[in-house]
Amino acid sequence: INNTWTFDEEGRFDVSRDNNKNTVYLNMVKVKPED
């Protein structure tokens, strides 16, 4: 039902889905070496 959660409190990661494409995405911005 499109409730989302990510571990990163800085908001660098975002998860989304496209049910028409059977696909889930993970968008990552401002990545760090520890990623």
PDB file of all heavy atoms in Angstrom:
ATOM      1  N   ILE A   1       0.835  -1.206   0.000  1.00  0.00           N
ATOM      2  CA  ILE A   1       0.000   0.000   0.000  1.00  0.00           C
ATOM      3  C   ILE A   1       0.870   1.258   0.000  1.00  0.00           C
ATOM      4  O   ILE A   1       0.443   2.335   0.428  1.00  0.00           O
ATOM      5  CB  ILE A   1      -0.995   0.026   1.175  1.00  0.00           C
ATOM      6  CG1 ILE A   1      -0.266  -0.110   2.515  1.00  0.00           C
ATOM      7  CG2 ILE A   1      -2.028  -1.090   1.016  1.00  0.00           C
ATOM      8  CD1 ILE A   1      -1.177   0.080   3.730  1.00  0.00           C
ATOM      9  N   ASN A   2       2.118   1.084  -0.456  1.00  0.00           N
ATOM     10  CA  ASN A   2       3.037   2.191  -0.677  1.00  0.00           C
ATOM     11  C   ASN A   2       3.490   2.928   0.580  1.00  0.00           C
ATOM     12  O   ASN A   2       3.884   4.104   0.502  1.00  0.00           O
ATOM     13  CB  ASN A   2       2.477   3.189  -1.688  1.00  0.00           C
ATOM     14  CG  ASN A   2       2.543   2.661  -3.108  1.00  0.00           C
ATOM     15  OD1 ASN A   2       3.432   1.890  -3.454  1.00  0.00           O
ATOM     16  ND2 ASN A   2       1.596   3.060  -3.928  1.00  0.00           N
ATOM     17  N   ASN A   3       3.431   2.258   1.718  1.00  0.00           N
ATOM     18  CA  ASN A   3       4.120   2.797   2.887  1.00  0.00           C
ATOM     19  C   ASN A   3       5.611   2.550   2.691  1.00  0.00           C
ATOM     20  O   ASN A   3       6.016   1.455   2.298  1.00  0.00           O
ATOM     21  CB  ASN A   3       3.639   2.131   4.166  1.00  0.00           C
ATOM     22  CG  ASN A   3       2.217   2.522   4.516  1.00  0.00           C
ATOM     23  OD1 ASN A   3       1.784   3.630   4.242  1.00  0.00           O
ATOM     24  ND2 ASN A   3       1.484   1.606   5.118  1.00  0.00           N
ATOM     25  N   THR A   4       6.407   3.556   2.975  1.00  0.00           N
ATOM     26  CA  THR A   4       7.839   3.430   2.735  1.00  0.00           C
ATOM     27  C   THR A   4       8.642   3.690   4.007  1.00  0.00           C
ATOM     28  O   THR A   4       8.178   4.385   4.929  1.00  0.00           O
ATOM     29  CB  THR A   4       8.311   4.408   1.646  1.00  0.00           C
ATOM     30  OG1 THR A   4       8.064   5.749   2.075  1.00  0.00           O
ATOM     31  CG2 THR A   4       7.607   4.146   0.330  1.00  0.00           C
ATOM     32  N   TRP A   5       9.825   3.127   4.017  1.00  0.00           N
ATOM     33  CA  TRP A   5      10.766   3.344   5.117  1.00  0.00           C
ATOM     34  C   TRP A   5      12.162   3.236   4.547  1.00  0.00           C
ATOM     35  O   TRP A   5      12.434   2.373   3.700  1.00  0.00           O
ATOM     36  CB  TRP A   5      10.572   2.290   6.201  1.00  0.00           C
ATOM     37  CG  TRP A   5      11.608   2.369   7.293  1.00  0.00           C
ATOM     38  CD1 TRP A   5      11.554   3.096   8.430  1.00  0.00           C
ATOM     39  CD2 TRP A   5      12.877   1.699   7.317  1.00  0.00           C
ATOM     40  NE1 TRP A   5      12.693   2.929   9.175  1.00  0.00           N
ATOM     41  CE2 TRP A   5      13.527   2.074   8.509  1.00  0.00           C
ATOM     42  CE3 TRP A   5      13.537   0.832   6.448  1.00  0.00           C
ATOM     43  CZ2 TRP A   5      14.791   1.614   8.862  1.00  0.00           C
ATOM     44  CZ3 TRP A   5      14.786   0.359   6.793  1.00  0.00           C
ATOM     45  CH2 TRP A   5      15.409   0.754   7.983  1.00  0.00           C
ATOM     46  N   THR A   6      13.058   4.087   4.962  1.00  0.00           N
ATOM     47  CA  THR A   6      14.473   3.953   4.622  1.00  0.00           C
ATOM     48  C   THR A   6      15.297   4.143   5.889  1.00  0.00           C
ATOM     49  O   THR A   6      14.868   4.801   6.832  1.00  0.00           O
ATOM     50  CB  THR A   6      14.930   4.986   3.567  1.00  0.00           C
ATOM     51  OG1 THR A   6      14.765   6.310   4.100  1.00  0.00           O
ATOM     52  CG2 THR A   6      14.123   4.854   2.298  1.00  0.00           C
ATOM     53  N   PHE A   7      16.506   3.561   5.872  1.00  0.00           N
ATOM     54  CA  PHE A   7      17.323   3.587   7.066  1.00  0.00           C
ATOM     55  C   PHE A   7      18.026   4.927   7.242  1.00  0.00           C
ATOM     56  O   PHE A   7      18.412   5.291   8.342  1.00  0.00           O
ATOM     57  CB  PHE A   7      18.389   2.487   6.988  1.00  0.00           C
ATOM     58  CG  PHE A   7      19.651   2.904   6.269  1.00  0.00           C
ATOM     59  CD1 PHE A   7      20.804   3.195   6.956  1.00  0.00           C
ATOM     60  CD2 PHE A   7      19.662   3.033   4.879  1.00  0.00           C
ATOM     61  CE1 PHE A   7      21.964   3.588   6.293  1.00  0.00           C
ATOM     62  CE2 PHE A   7      20.800   3.425   4.205  1.00  0.00           C
ATOM     63  CZ  PHE A   7      21.961   3.699   4.918  1.00  0.00           C
ATOM     64  N   ASP A   8      18.177   5.665   6.149  1.00  0.00           N
ATOM     65  CA  ASP A   8      19.034   6.844   6.158  1.00  0.00           C
ATOM     66  C   ASP A   8      18.254   8.072   6.624  1.00  0.00           C
ATOM     67  O   ASP A   8      17.338   8.532   5.935  1.00  0.00           O
ATOM     68  CB  ASP A   8      19.592   7.074   4.751  1.00  0.00           C
ATOM     69  CG  ASP A   8      20.511   8.290   4.696  1.00  0.00           C
ATOM     70  OD1 ASP A   8      21.599   8.205   5.276  1.00  0.00           O
ATOM     71  OD2 ASP A   8      20.135   9.313   4.094  1.00  0.00           O
ATOM     72  N   GLU A   9      18.629   8.608   7.757  1.00  0.00           N
ATOM     73  CA  GLU A   9      17.909   9.751   8.329  1.00  0.00           C
ATOM     74  C   GLU A   9      18.188  11.056   7.591  1.00  0.00           C
ATOM     75  O   GLU A   9      17.472  12.041   7.796  1.00  0.00           O
ATOM     76  CB  GLU A   9      18.273   9.886   9.812  1.00  0.00           C
ATOM     77  CG  GLU A   9      17.816   8.707  10.641  1.00  0.00           C
ATOM     78  CD  GLU A   9      18.171   8.852  12.108  1.00  0.00           C
ATOM     79  OE1 GLU A   9      18.949   9.764  12.437  1.00  0.00           O
ATOM     80  OE2 GLU A   9      17.671   8.058  12.925  1.00  0.00           O
ATOM     81  N   GLU A  10      19.208  11.058   6.752  1.00  0.00           N
ATOM     82  CA  GLU A  10      19.514  12.254   5.969  1.00  0.00           C
ATOM     83  C   GLU A  10      18.638  12.355   4.718  1.00  0.00           C
ATOM     84  O   GLU A  10      18.703  13.351   4.000  1.00  0.00           O
ATOM     85  CB  GLU A  10      20.987  12.236   5.554  1.00  0.00           C
ATOM     86  CG  GLU A  10      21.956  12.256   6.718  1.00  0.00           C
ATOM     87  CD  GLU A  10      23.397  12.167   6.240  1.00  0.00           C
ATOM     88  OE1 GLU A  10      23.758  12.861   5.279  1.00  0.00           O
ATOM     89  OE2 GLU A  10      24.168  11.373   6.823  1.00  0.00           O
ATOM     90  N   GLY A  11      17.861  11.347   4.456  1.00  0.00           N
ATOM     91  CA  GLY A  11      16.977  11.394   3.298  1.00  0.00           C
ATOM     92  C   GLY A  11      17.680  11.180   1.973  1.00  0.00           C
ATOM     93  O   GLY A  11      17.181  11.587   0.930  1.00  0.00           O
ATOM     94  N   ARG A  12      18.841  10.528   1.992  1.00  0.00           N
ATOM     95  CA  ARG A  12      19.588  10.315   0.759  1.00  0.00           C
ATOM     96  C   ARG A  12      19.030   9.179  -0.084  1.00  0.00           C
ATOM     97  O   ARG A  12      19.296   9.098  -1.283  1.00  0.00           O
ATOM     98  CB  ARG A  12      21.059  10.032   1.098  1.00  0.00           C
ATOM     99  CG  ARG A  12      21.762  11.143   1.845  1.00  0.00           C
ATOM    100  CD  ARG A  12      23.226  10.801   2.079  1.00  0.00           C
ATOM    101  NE  ARG A  12      23.376   9.576   2.856  1.00  0.00           N
ATOM    102  CZ  ARG A  12      23.992   8.479   2.394  1.00  0.00           C
ATOM    103  NH1 ARG A  12      24.509   8.461   1.172  1.00  0.00           N
ATOM    104  NH2 ARG A  12      24.102   7.399   3.167  1.00  0.00           N
ATOM    105  N   PHE A  13      18.272   8.286   0.549  1.00  0.00           N
ATOM    106  CA  PHE A  13      17.751   7.125  -0.153  1.00  0.00           C
ATOM    107  C   PHE A  13      16.233   7.252  -0.275  1.00  0.00           C
ATOM    108  O   PHE A  13      15.557   7.703   0.647  1.00  0.00           O
ATOM    109  CB  PHE A  13      18.082   5.839   0.607  1.00  0.00           C
ATOM    110  CG  PHE A  13      19.526   5.433   0.545  1.00  0.00           C
ATOM    111  CD1 PHE A  13      20.553   6.361   0.435  1.00  0.00           C
ATOM    112  CD2 PHE A  13      19.869   4.094   0.605  1.00  0.00           C
ATOM    113  CE1 PHE A  13      21.870   5.981   0.380  1.00  0.00           C
ATOM    114  CE2 PHE A  13      21.187   3.695   0.550  1.00  0.00           C
ATOM    115  CZ  PHE A  13      22.194   4.625   0.451  1.00  0.00           C
ATOM    116  N   ASP A  14      15.724   6.804  -1.406  1.00  0.00           N
ATOM    117  CA  ASP A  14      14.285   6.828  -1.635  1.00  0.00           C
ATOM    118  C   ASP A  14      13.874   5.558  -2.360  1.00  0.00           C
ATOM    119  O   ASP A  14      14.544   5.149  -3.316  1.00  0.00           O
ATOM    120  CB  ASP A  14      13.921   8.051  -2.480  1.00  0.00           C
ATOM    121  CG  ASP A  14      12.443   8.090  -2.809  1.00  0.00           C
ATOM    122  OD1 ASP A  14      11.635   8.195  -1.875  1.00  0.00           O
ATOM    123  OD2 ASP A  14      12.107   7.987  -4.010  1.00  0.00           O
ATOM    124  N   VAL A  15      12.795   4.937  -1.901  1.00  0.00           N
ATOM    125  CA  VAL A  15      12.308   3.710  -2.530  1.00  0.00           C
ATOM    126  C   VAL A  15      10.958   3.993  -3.169  1.00  0.00           C
ATOM    127  O   VAL A  15      10.121   4.709  -2.596  1.00  0.00           O
ATOM    128  CB  VAL A  15      12.220   2.556  -1.507  1.00  0.00           C
ATOM    129  CG1 VAL A  15      11.290   2.900  -0.350  1.00  0.00           C
ATOM    130  CG2 VAL A  15      11.822   1.256  -2.187  1.00  0.00           C
ATOM    131  N   SER A  16      10.762   3.429  -4.354  1.00  0.00           N
ATOM    132  CA  SER A  16       9.498   3.607  -5.054  1.00  0.00           C
ATOM    133  C   SER A  16       9.215   2.359  -5.879  1.00  0.00           C
ATOM    134  O   SER A  16      10.083   1.492  -6.024  1.00  0.00           O
ATOM    135  CB  SER A  16       9.541   4.849  -5.955  1.00  0.00           C
ATOM    136  OG  SER A  16      10.563   4.727  -6.935  1.00  0.00           O
ATOM    137  N   ARG A  17       8.014   2.271  -6.413  1.00  0.00           N
ATOM    138  CA  ARG A  17       7.652   1.101  -7.208  1.00  0.00           C
ATOM    139  C   ARG A  17       6.754   1.507  -8.358  1.00  0.00           C
ATOM    140  O   ARG A  17       6.035   2.506  -8.278  1.00  0.00           O
ATOM    141  CB  ARG A  17       6.962   0.048  -6.341  1.00  0.00           C
ATOM    142  CG  ARG A  17       5.610   0.458  -5.784  1.00  0.00           C
ATOM    143  CD  ARG A  17       5.119  -0.516  -4.700  1.00  0.00           C
ATOM    144  NE  ARG A  17       4.956  -1.859  -5.220  1.00  0.00           N
ATOM    145  CZ  ARG A  17       4.901  -2.947  -4.452  1.00  0.00           C
ATOM    146  NH1 ARG A  17       5.011  -2.844  -3.134  1.00  0.00           N
ATOM    147  NH2 ARG A  17       4.739  -4.142  -4.991  1.00  0.00           N
ATOM    148  N   ASP A  18       6.816   0.717  -9.416  1.00  0.00           N
ATOM    149  CA  ASP A  18       5.925   0.859 -10.555  1.00  0.00           C
ATOM    150  C   ASP A  18       5.261  -0.497 -10.762  1.00  0.00           C
ATOM    151  O   ASP A  18       5.874  -1.415 -11.320  1.00  0.00           O
ATOM    152  CB  ASP A  18       6.700   1.290 -11.800  1.00  0.00           C
ATOM    153  CG  ASP A  18       5.807   1.586 -12.990  1.00  0.00           C
ATOM    154  OD1 ASP A  18       4.667   1.080 -13.013  1.00  0.00           O
ATOM    155  OD2 ASP A  18       6.254   2.287 -13.909  1.00  0.00           O
ATOM    156  N   ASN A  19       4.045  -0.620 -10.317  1.00  0.00           N
ATOM    157  CA  ASN A  19       3.358  -1.908 -10.398  1.00  0.00           C
ATOM    158  C   ASN A  19       3.063  -2.314 -11.841  1.00  0.00           C
ATOM    159  O   ASN A  19       2.929  -3.499 -12.136  1.00  0.00           O
ATOM    160  CB  ASN A  19       2.068  -1.867  -9.584  1.00  0.00           C
ATOM    161  CG  ASN A  19       2.336  -1.824  -8.088  1.00  0.00           C
ATOM    162  OD1 ASN A  19       3.398  -2.234  -7.618  1.00  0.00           O
ATOM    163  ND2 ASN A  19       1.369  -1.308  -7.342  1.00  0.00           N
ATOM    164  N   ASN A  20       2.987  -1.354 -12.728  1.00  0.00           N
ATOM    165  CA  ASN A  20       2.755  -1.681 -14.140  1.00  0.00           C
ATOM    166  C   ASN A  20       3.980  -2.346 -14.773  1.00  0.00           C
ATOM    167  O   ASN A  20       3.847  -3.045 -15.782  1.00  0.00           O
ATOM    168  CB  ASN A  20       2.385  -0.428 -14.924  1.00  0.00           C
ATOM    169  CG  ASN A  20       1.015   0.116 -14.526  1.00  0.00           C
ATOM    170  OD1 ASN A  20       0.097  -0.663 -14.258  1.00  0.00           O
ATOM    171  ND2 ASN A  20       0.887   1.422 -14.485  1.00  0.00           N
ATOM    172  N   LYS A  21       5.141  -2.104 -14.183  1.00  0.00           N
ATOM    173  CA  LYS A  21       6.391  -2.669 -14.701  1.00  0.00           C
ATOM    174  C   LYS A  21       6.973  -3.739 -13.782  1.00  0.00           C
ATOM    175  O   LYS A  21       8.082  -4.225 -14.015  1.00  0.00           O
ATOM    176  CB  LYS A  21       7.425  -1.558 -14.906  1.00  0.00           C
ATOM    177  CG  LYS A  21       7.026  -0.519 -15.946  1.00  0.00           C
ATOM    178  CD  LYS A  21       8.115   0.530 -16.126  1.00  0.00           C
ATOM    179  CE  LYS A  21       7.739   1.544 -17.198  1.00  0.00           C
ATOM    180  NZ  LYS A  21       8.785   2.575 -17.380  1.00  0.00           N
ATOM    181  N   ASN A  22       6.237  -4.092 -12.734  1.00  0.00           N
ATOM    182  CA  ASN A  22       6.742  -5.089 -11.769  1.00  0.00           C
ATOM    183  C   ASN A  22       8.130  -4.716 -11.250  1.00  0.00           C
ATOM    184  O   ASN A  22       8.990  -5.578 -11.057  1.00  0.00           O
ATOM    185  CB  ASN A  22       6.801  -6.481 -12.410  1.00  0.00           C
ATOM    186  CG  ASN A  22       5.452  -7.168 -12.441  1.00  0.00           C
ATOM    187  OD1 ASN A  22       4.419  -6.511 -12.278  1.00  0.00           O
ATOM    188  ND2 ASN A  22       5.441  -8.469 -12.673  1.00  0.00           N
ATOM    189  N   THR A  23       8.340  -3.448 -11.017  1.00  0.00           N
ATOM    190  CA  THR A  23       9.672  -2.959 -10.693  1.00  0.00           C
ATOM    191  C   THR A  23       9.665  -2.113  -9.427  1.00  0.00           C
ATOM    192  O   THR A  23       8.773  -1.291  -9.224  1.00  0.00           O
ATOM    193  CB  THR A  23      10.238  -2.126 -11.859  1.00  0.00           C
ATOM    194  OG1 THR A  23      10.272  -2.937 -13.047  1.00  0.00           O
ATOM    195  CG2 THR A  23      11.646  -1.639 -11.558  1.00  0.00           C
ATOM    196  N   VAL A  24      10.688  -2.321  -8.623  1.00  0.00           N
ATOM    197  CA  VAL A  24      10.937  -1.483  -7.460  1.00  0.00           C
ATOM    198  C   VAL A  24      12.277  -0.790  -7.674  1.00  0.00           C
ATOM    199  O   VAL A  24      13.197  -1.369  -8.254  1.00  0.00           O
ATOM    200  CB  VAL A  24      10.918  -2.296  -6.151  1.00  0.00           C
ATOM    201  CG1 VAL A  24      12.020  -3.348  -6.132  1.00  0.00           C
ATOM    202  CG2 VAL A  24      11.035  -1.380  -4.938  1.00  0.00           C
ATOM    203  N   TYR A  25      12.359   0.452  -7.231  1.00  0.00           N
ATOM    204  CA  TYR A  25      13.551   1.257  -7.429  1.00  0.00           C
ATOM    205  C   TYR A  25      14.142   1.692  -6.092  1.00  0.00           C
ATOM    206  O   TYR A  25      13.415   1.876  -5.106  1.00  0.00           O
ATOM    207  CB  TYR A  25      13.212   2.518  -8.235  1.00  0.00           C
ATOM    208  CG  TYR A  25      12.580   2.253  -9.573  1.00  0.00           C
ATOM    209  CD1 TYR A  25      11.192   2.323  -9.741  1.00  0.00           C
ATOM    210  CD2 TYR A  25      13.360   1.932 -10.681  1.00  0.00           C
ATOM    211  CE1 TYR A  25      10.602   2.091 -10.965  1.00  0.00           C
ATOM    212  CE2 TYR A  25      12.770   1.696 -11.917  1.00  0.00           C
ATOM    213  CZ  TYR A  25      11.398   1.774 -12.049  1.00  0.00           C
ATOM    214  OH  TYR A  25      10.822   1.537 -13.270  1.00  0.00           O
ATOM    215  N   LEU A  26      15.443   1.884  -6.101  1.00  0.00           N
ATOM    216  CA  LEU A  26      16.126   2.516  -4.976  1.00  0.00           C
ATOM    217  C   LEU A  26      16.934   3.673  -5.551  1.00  0.00           C
ATOM    218  O   LEU A  26      17.886   3.457  -6.292  1.00  0.00           O
ATOM    219  CB  LEU A  26      17.051   1.546  -4.247  1.00  0.00           C
ATOM    220  CG  LEU A  26      17.774   2.140  -3.038  1.00  0.00           C
ATOM    221  CD1 LEU A  26      16.776   2.444  -1.920  1.00  0.00           C
ATOM    222  CD2 LEU A  26      18.852   1.184  -2.530  1.00  0.00           C
ATOM    223  N   ASN A  27      16.519   4.876  -5.226  1.00  0.00           N
ATOM    224  CA  ASN A  27      17.240   6.057  -5.656  1.00  0.00           C
ATOM    225  C   ASN A  27      18.193   6.485  -4.555  1.00  0.00           C
ATOM    226  O   ASN A  27      17.790   6.637  -3.397  1.00  0.00           O
ATOM    227  CB  ASN A  27      16.265   7.191  -5.974  1.00  0.00           C
ATOM    228  CG  ASN A  27      15.452   6.903  -7.224  1.00  0.00           C
ATOM    229  OD1 ASN A  27      15.984   6.879  -8.323  1.00  0.00           O
ATOM    230  ND2 ASN A  27      14.170   6.662  -7.051  1.00  0.00           N
ATOM    231  N   MET A  28      19.422   6.686  -4.936  1.00  0.00           N
ATOM    232  CA  MET A  28      20.456   7.050  -3.983  1.00  0.00           C
ATOM    233  C   MET A  28      21.093   8.361  -4.440  1.00  0.00           C
ATOM    234  O   MET A  28      21.532   8.472  -5.583  1.00  0.00           O
ATOM    235  CB  MET A  28      21.514   5.949  -3.931  1.00  0.00           C
ATOM    236  CG  MET A  28      20.929   4.567  -3.652  1.00  0.00           C
ATOM    237  SD  MET A  28      22.050   3.212  -4.077  1.00  0.00           S
ATOM    238  CE  MET A  28      23.438   3.570  -3.026  1.00  0.00           C
ATOM    239  N   VAL A  29      21.156   9.324  -3.554  1.00  0.00           N
ATOM    240  CA  VAL A  29      21.809  10.599  -3.862  1.00  0.00           C
ATOM    241  C   VAL A  29      22.854  10.887  -2.796  1.00  0.00           C
ATOM    242  O   VAL A  29      22.826  10.321  -1.708  1.00  0.00           O
ATOM    243  CB  VAL A  29      20.801  11.760  -3.954  1.00  0.00           C
ATOM    244  CG1 VAL A  29      19.764  11.491  -5.040  1.00  0.00           C
ATOM    245  CG2 VAL A  29      20.121  12.018  -2.621  1.00  0.00           C
ATOM    246  N   LYS A  30      23.780  11.779  -3.141  1.00  0.00           N
ATOM    247  CA  LYS A  30      24.849  12.170  -2.204  1.00  0.00           C
ATOM    248  C   LYS A  30      25.501  10.932  -1.589  1.00  0.00           C
ATOM    249  O   LYS A  30      25.687  10.859  -0.374  1.00  0.00           O
ATOM    250  CB  LYS A  30      24.288  13.095  -1.124  1.00  0.00           C
ATOM    251  CG  LYS A  30      23.695  14.380  -1.668  1.00  0.00           C
ATOM    252  CD  LYS A  30      23.133  15.250  -0.532  1.00  0.00           C
ATOM    253  CE  LYS A  30      22.502  16.518  -1.081  1.00  0.00           C
ATOM    254  NZ  LYS A  30      21.936  17.366  -0.001  1.00  0.00           N
ATOM    255  N   VAL A  31      25.859   9.996  -2.425  1.00  0.00           N
ATOM    256  CA  VAL A  31      26.396   8.729  -1.923  1.00  0.00           C
ATOM    257  C   VAL A  31      27.748   8.940  -1.262  1.00  0.00           C
ATOM    258  O   VAL A  31      28.488   9.893  -1.572  1.00  0.00           O
ATOM    259  CB  VAL A  31      26.488   7.681  -3.047  1.00  0.00           C
ATOM    260  CG1 VAL A  31      25.099   7.325  -3.554  1.00  0.00           C
ATOM    261  CG2 VAL A  31      27.381   8.147  -4.180  1.00  0.00           C
ATOM    262  N   LYS A  32      28.056   8.033  -0.341  1.00  0.00           N
ATOM    263  CA  LYS A  32      29.281   8.092   0.440  1.00  0.00           C
ATOM    264  C   LYS A  32      30.057   6.788   0.250  1.00  0.00           C
ATOM    265  O   LYS A  32      29.464   5.764  -0.095  1.00  0.00           O
ATOM    266  CB  LYS A  32      28.942   8.274   1.920  1.00  0.00           C
ATOM    267  CG  LYS A  32      28.080   9.484   2.233  1.00  0.00           C
ATOM    268  CD  LYS A  32      27.708   9.504   3.713  1.00  0.00           C
ATOM    269  CE  LYS A  32      26.806  10.689   4.042  1.00  0.00           C
ATOM    270  NZ  LYS A  32      26.426  10.695   5.485  1.00  0.00           N
ATOM    271  N   PRO A  33      31.341   6.801   0.495  1.00  0.00           N
ATOM    272  CA  PRO A  33      32.110   5.545   0.382  1.00  0.00           C
ATOM    273  C   PRO A  33      31.530   4.428   1.235  1.00  0.00           C
ATOM    274  O   PRO A  33      31.596   3.261   0.839  1.00  0.00           O
ATOM    275  CB  PRO A  33      33.503   5.969   0.846  1.00  0.00           C
ATOM    276  CG  PRO A  33      33.592   7.418   0.487  1.00  0.00           C
ATOM    277  CD  PRO A  33      32.217   7.968   0.722  1.00  0.00           C
ATOM    278  N   GLU A  34      30.948   4.775   2.371  1.00  0.00           N
ATOM    279  CA  GLU A  34      30.374   3.741   3.238  1.00  0.00           C
ATOM    280  C   GLU A  34      29.103   3.127   2.667  1.00  0.00           C
ATOM    281  O   GLU A  34      28.570   2.170   3.222  1.00  0.00           O
ATOM    282  CB  GLU A  34      30.118   4.272   4.650  1.00  0.00           C
ATOM    283  CG  GLU A  34      29.348   5.573   4.710  1.00  0.00           C
ATOM    284  CD  GLU A  34      30.258   6.769   4.845  1.00  0.00           C
ATOM    285  OE1 GLU A  34      31.301   6.842   4.139  1.00  0.00           O
ATOM    286  OE2 GLU A  34      29.936   7.670   5.647  1.00  0.00           O
ATOM    287  N   ASP A  35      28.602   3.670   1.588  1.00  0.00           N
ATOM    288  CA  ASP A  35      27.464   3.056   0.897  1.00  0.00           C
ATOM    289  C   ASP A  35      27.906   1.911  -0.017  1.00  0.00           C
ATOM    290  O   ASP A  35      27.062   1.217  -0.605  1.00  0.00           O
ATOM    291  CB  ASP A  35      26.716   4.092   0.061  1.00  0.00           C
ATOM    292  CG  ASP A  35      26.052   5.172   0.910  1.00  0.00           C
ATOM    293  OD1 ASP A  35      25.546   4.834   1.996  1.00  0.00           O
ATOM    294  OD2 ASP A  35      26.052   6.343   0.487  1.00  0.00           O
TER     295      ASP A  35
END
